[in-house]
Protein backbone atom coordinates (compact mmCIF):
# COMPACT_ATOMS: atom_id res chain seq x y z
CA MET A 1 106.01 92.36 123.43
CA SER A 2 107.30 92.86 119.87
CA LEU A 3 104.76 93.84 117.01
CA PRO A 4 105.82 94.28 113.61
CA CYS A 5 106.45 97.79 112.60
CA VAL A 6 104.85 99.58 109.83
CA LEU A 7 106.31 102.51 108.45
CA VAL A 8 103.32 104.77 106.84
CA LEU A 9 103.72 107.83 104.59
CA ALA A 10 100.41 109.59 104.39
CA GLY A 11 98.25 113.15 105.17
CA HIS A 12 96.76 113.76 108.33
CA ASP A 13 92.74 113.94 108.37
CA PRO A 14 91.55 115.61 111.40
CA THR A 15 88.42 113.45 111.53
CA GLY A 16 90.00 110.48 111.64
CA GLY A 17 88.32 108.94 108.94
CA ALA A 18 91.05 108.16 106.55
CA GLY A 19 95.16 109.18 106.20
CA LEU A 20 97.15 108.24 109.73
CA ILE A 21 94.84 108.10 112.33
CA ALA A 22 93.00 105.35 110.19
CA ASP A 23 96.23 104.01 108.70
CA ALA A 24 97.57 103.51 111.91
CA GLU A 25 94.23 101.99 113.50
CA ALA A 26 94.10 99.22 110.98
CA ILE A 27 98.00 98.70 111.43
CA ARG A 28 97.30 98.06 115.18
CA ALA A 29 93.90 95.67 114.47
CA MET A 30 95.73 94.10 112.37
CA GLY A 31 98.70 92.55 114.87
CA GLY A 32 101.27 95.45 113.84
CA TRP A 33 102.14 98.68 114.86
CA ALA A 34 102.29 102.01 113.41
CA LEU A 35 105.58 104.62 112.77
CA THR A 36 103.50 107.64 111.44
CA VAL A 37 105.51 110.01 109.22
CA PRO A 38 103.25 112.89 107.95
CA THR A 39 103.21 114.14 104.29
CA ALA A 40 100.54 116.62 104.41
CA LEU A 41 98.18 118.07 106.54
CA THR A 42 94.61 118.57 105.68
CA CYS A 43 91.99 121.20 106.49
CA GLN A 44 88.92 118.49 106.01
CA THR A 45 85.69 117.41 107.40
CA THR A 46 83.57 114.16 106.89
CA VAL A 47 81.70 116.17 103.78
CA ASN A 48 85.28 117.24 101.35
CA VAL A 49 88.93 118.39 102.06
CA HIS A 50 89.09 122.14 102.24
CA THR A 51 93.23 122.40 101.99
CA VAL A 52 96.03 120.64 101.64
CA THR A 53 99.41 121.79 103.27
CA PRO A 54 102.46 119.87 101.80
CA ARG A 55 105.47 118.86 104.23
CA PRO A 56 108.62 119.50 102.64
CA GLY A 57 110.68 116.25 101.65
CA GLU A 58 113.69 116.69 103.79
CA GLU A 59 111.29 117.04 107.03
CA ILE A 60 109.56 113.61 105.88
CA LEU A 61 112.86 111.91 105.15
CA ALA A 62 114.19 113.15 108.99
CA THR A 63 111.59 112.04 110.47
CA ALA A 64 111.56 108.80 108.82
CA ARG A 65 115.24 108.75 109.45
CA ALA A 66 114.92 109.08 113.41
CA VAL A 67 112.68 106.42 113.33
CA LEU A 68 114.38 104.15 111.54
CA LYS A 69 116.92 104.11 113.87
CA ASP A 70 114.83 103.31 116.68
CA CYS A 71 112.83 100.61 115.19
CA ASP A 72 112.79 97.74 112.92
CA ILE A 73 110.38 97.88 109.87
CA HIS A 74 109.06 95.16 108.50
CA ALA A 75 107.18 97.28 105.88
CA ILE A 76 106.07 100.14 103.86
CA LYS A 77 102.62 101.83 103.53
CA ILE A 78 102.18 104.99 101.75
CA GLY A 79 99.19 106.94 100.88
CA LEU A 80 98.98 110.65 100.28
CA ILE A 81 101.73 112.23 98.26
CA ALA A 82 100.78 116.01 98.18
CA ASP A 83 103.74 117.17 95.87
CA LEU A 84 107.18 116.74 93.88
CA SER A 85 109.13 116.84 97.22
CA ALA A 86 107.28 114.61 99.12
CA LEU A 87 107.24 111.89 96.09
CA GLU A 88 110.97 112.02 95.92
CA ALA A 89 110.88 111.58 99.96
CA ALA A 90 108.92 108.54 99.41
CA VAL A 91 111.12 107.14 96.66
CA GLU A 92 114.58 107.34 98.81
CA LEU A 93 112.53 106.01 101.73
CA CYS A 94 111.96 102.90 99.40
CA ARG A 95 115.14 102.57 97.76
CA MET A 96 116.90 102.70 101.31
CA LEU A 97 114.15 99.89 103.02
CA SER A 98 114.09 97.74 99.66
CA PRO A 99 113.19 94.50 99.79
CA LEU A 100 110.54 95.32 102.43
CA PRO A 101 106.89 94.63 101.34
CA ILE A 102 106.02 98.31 99.81
CA ILE A 103 102.37 98.92 99.55
CA ILE A 104 101.12 102.20 97.42
CA ASP A 105 97.72 103.49 97.97
CA PRO A 106 97.29 106.20 95.48
CA VAL A 107 95.08 109.00 96.51
CA LEU A 108 94.15 111.37 93.40
CA LYS A 109 91.21 112.73 94.76
CA ALA A 110 88.77 113.16 98.09
CA GLY A 111 85.71 111.55 98.71
CA GLY A 112 83.84 115.29 98.64
CA GLY A 113 85.46 115.52 94.40
CA ARG A 114 88.14 117.49 95.31
CA GLU A 115 91.14 117.11 93.15
CA LEU A 116 94.09 115.98 95.54
CA SER A 117 96.86 115.13 92.53
CA SER A 118 98.09 117.24 89.25
CA GLU A 119 99.07 115.93 85.62
CA LEU A 120 102.64 116.15 86.33
CA LEU A 121 102.44 114.99 89.76
CA ARG A 122 100.06 112.02 88.78
CA ALA A 123 103.17 111.14 85.67
CA ALA A 124 106.29 111.46 88.28
CA PHE A 125 104.10 109.09 90.62
CA VAL A 126 103.69 106.52 87.71
CA GLU A 127 107.28 106.83 86.43
CA ARG A 128 109.13 107.17 90.11
CA LEU A 129 106.94 105.22 92.79
CA LEU A 130 104.71 102.97 90.91
CA PRO A 131 108.05 100.50 90.09
CA LEU A 132 108.98 100.07 93.26
CA ALA A 133 106.16 98.92 94.97
CA ASP A 134 105.23 95.01 95.62
CA LEU A 135 100.91 95.95 95.64
CA VAL A 136 99.34 98.83 94.38
CA THR A 137 95.80 99.23 95.62
CA PRO A 138 94.10 101.93 93.68
CA ASN A 139 89.75 102.18 92.76
CA LEU A 140 88.61 101.98 89.41
CA GLU A 141 89.27 105.41 88.89
CA GLU A 142 92.40 105.81 90.12
CA LEU A 143 93.83 103.00 88.05
CA ALA A 144 92.15 104.52 84.25
CA ARG A 145 93.86 107.86 85.30
CA LEU A 146 97.44 106.40 86.26
CA THR A 147 96.88 104.10 82.82
CA GLY A 148 96.46 107.05 81.25
CA SER A 149 92.81 105.61 80.28
CA ALA A 150 88.93 106.93 80.05
CA LEU A 151 87.61 106.90 82.96
CA GLU A 152 84.27 105.00 80.80
CA ASP A 153 86.97 102.24 79.99
CA GLN A 154 85.76 99.45 81.68
CA ASP A 155 89.07 96.74 80.52
CA THR A 156 90.21 96.68 84.23
CA ALA A 157 92.39 93.36 83.37
CA GLY A 158 94.23 95.62 80.61
CA GLN A 159 94.44 98.48 82.64
CA ALA A 160 96.32 96.41 85.07
CA GLY A 161 97.86 95.23 83.12
CA LYS A 162 99.80 98.61 81.89
CA MET A 163 100.31 99.00 86.23
CA LEU A 164 102.21 95.69 85.85
CA ALA A 165 104.19 96.64 83.18
CA THR A 166 105.75 99.76 85.03
CA GLY A 167 107.50 97.50 87.35
CA ALA A 168 104.36 97.02 90.24
CA GLY A 169 104.29 93.79 91.51
CA ALA A 170 100.71 93.51 91.74
CA VAL A 171 97.75 95.39 91.73
CA LEU A 172 94.10 95.05 93.72
CA ALA A 173 91.87 97.18 92.26
CA THR A 174 88.95 98.14 94.40
CA GLY A 175 85.64 97.93 92.49
CA THR A 176 83.90 100.60 95.32
CA ASP A 177 83.36 103.16 92.18
CA VAL A 178 82.25 100.82 89.72
CA ALA A 179 79.47 102.76 87.51
CA ASP A 180 75.77 102.18 88.43
CA ALA A 181 76.97 101.08 92.01
CA SER A 182 73.61 101.63 93.49
CA HIS A 183 72.13 98.95 91.27
CA GLN A 184 75.17 96.42 91.90
CA PRO A 185 74.30 94.44 94.90
CA HIS A 186 78.09 93.11 95.29
CA VAL A 187 81.46 95.27 95.68
CA THR A 188 84.23 93.10 93.41
CA HIS A 189 88.22 93.34 94.37
CA ARG A 190 90.51 91.50 91.79
CA LEU A 191 93.90 91.02 92.66
CA TYR A 192 96.07 91.11 89.07
CA THR A 193 99.54 89.68 89.63
CA PRO A 194 102.17 88.25 86.62
CA GLU A 195 100.81 84.37 87.62
CA GLY A 196 96.45 85.42 87.06
CA ILE A 197 93.92 86.87 88.40
CA ARG A 198 92.10 86.17 92.50
CA THR A 199 88.46 87.99 92.43
CA TRP A 200 86.42 88.21 95.74
CA SER A 201 82.69 89.95 95.54
CA TRP A 202 81.61 91.23 98.79
CA PRO A 203 78.01 92.00 100.08
CA ARG A 204 77.42 95.93 98.50
CA LEU A 205 77.36 98.31 102.19
CA PRO A 206 74.32 101.26 101.91
CA GLY A 207 76.11 104.52 102.63
CA SER A 208 79.04 106.62 101.41
CA TYR A 209 81.77 105.69 103.28
CA HIS A 210 85.45 107.51 104.02
CA GLY A 211 88.72 105.78 104.64
CA SER A 212 87.91 102.60 102.92
CA GLY A 213 91.34 102.33 101.18
CA CYS A 214 93.46 103.53 103.90
CA THR A 215 91.96 100.95 106.17
CA LEU A 216 92.02 97.83 103.47
CA ALA A 217 95.95 99.26 102.25
CA SER A 218 97.00 99.81 105.75
CA ALA A 219 95.63 96.24 106.73
CA VAL A 220 97.14 94.42 104.10
CA ALA A 221 100.78 96.30 104.36
CA ALA A 222 100.35 94.68 108.29
CA LEU A 223 99.48 91.05 107.30
CA LEU A 224 102.46 91.63 105.12
CA ALA A 225 104.49 92.55 107.61
CA ARG A 226 103.11 89.68 109.61
CA GLY A 227 104.21 87.21 107.01
CA GLU A 228 101.44 86.47 105.19
CA THR A 229 101.47 85.83 101.83
CA LEU A 230 100.32 88.28 98.92
CA GLU A 231 96.71 86.30 98.65
CA ASN A 232 95.67 85.53 102.11
CA ALA A 233 97.06 89.42 103.38
CA CYS A 234 94.21 90.61 100.44
CA GLU A 235 91.74 88.37 101.64
CA LYS A 236 91.76 88.90 105.44
CA ALA A 237 92.31 92.68 104.84
CA GLN A 238 89.21 92.57 102.97
CA GLN A 239 87.51 91.03 105.33
CA PHE A 240 88.40 93.30 108.22
CA THR A 241 87.79 96.71 105.71
CA TRP A 242 84.59 95.13 104.92
CA GLN A 243 83.36 94.42 109.22
CA SER A 244 84.51 97.90 109.50
CA LEU A 245 82.50 99.37 107.06
CA GLU A 246 79.17 97.53 108.69
CA ARG A 247 80.15 98.82 112.16
CA ALA A 248 80.88 102.59 110.66
CA LEU A 249 80.07 105.29 112.46
CA MET A 250 78.74 108.93 111.43
CA PRO A 251 80.26 111.51 113.75
CA GLY A 252 79.49 114.33 111.22
CA ARG A 253 77.62 114.83 108.71
CA GLY A 254 79.51 113.58 105.30
CA GLN A 255 80.17 110.35 105.05
CA HIS A 256 80.48 107.49 107.52
CA LEU A 257 83.51 106.17 108.81
CA PRO A 258 84.71 103.20 109.33
CA ASP A 259 84.99 101.50 112.98
CA ARG A 260 88.36 99.81 112.98
CA LEU A 261 88.61 99.10 116.67
CA SER A 262 85.66 97.49 117.88
CA GLY A 263 86.09 93.90 116.77
CA PRO A 264 86.18 91.10 116.34
CA PHE A 265 86.10 90.44 113.16
CA HIS A 266 84.45 87.32 111.02
CA LEU A 267 83.67 86.55 107.53
CA PRO A 268 80.13 87.59 106.26
CA ILE A 269 78.04 85.17 104.99
CA GLN A 270 77.31 86.46 101.41
CA GLU A 271 80.83 86.66 100.53
CA ARG A 272 81.52 84.91 97.29
CA MET A 273 85.29 84.23 96.39
CA THR A 274 86.36 82.53 92.79
């Protein structure tokens, strides 16, 4: 049996909550196969990230090229980019593999609060990598920071418009980190494209989760690799992510980790779509 392959550039998280392990689990659950290329090694727990060791860009390229000689790629998913060398490697691979679907999940800060980027790296990310993306999946803070907006600025549509203006094909802005989240009964995600806006609202789950962004972006990548339309892929990936969070596990003393392999996945009754 042959499955559509997704090339994944991301960091390794030893907890398995996020990073390459999360990507591989989500992609397999959605009917694809992940070909994983580490961009960085992290020392982290379910509480916070302690250190990040970037992998040299030439090693990233060598690993990816070896895989590309062996396997046919149907989509690309990019997660943690820890330095400029890794960024340039990602840019080269995206240009090499265009016009395959390219999904970028910006990783700027760990759930525990540790910064994973710099002003210089973010500027290069916006200038060099975002224009190559078919879909970018930022949370609200990432969207604000990547568009040079104030964190308290709630003009999500305006910020998404700025991101589309860089050349990105679409923006799926996730609302898990909305201000005063504990008093919000639903989480709202919005897909912005040049054609318009699509909105989904999901019941907010209790607790703090690690790896939801990786799960969502990789699920979208797998579904696009399988030939789904962008809107359908975003909807099904949200459904899958919500279910994996509903069934989340807590192996450590910090955040809950999505259970991406328990399936089957069903649409929650409380979902509202507009």
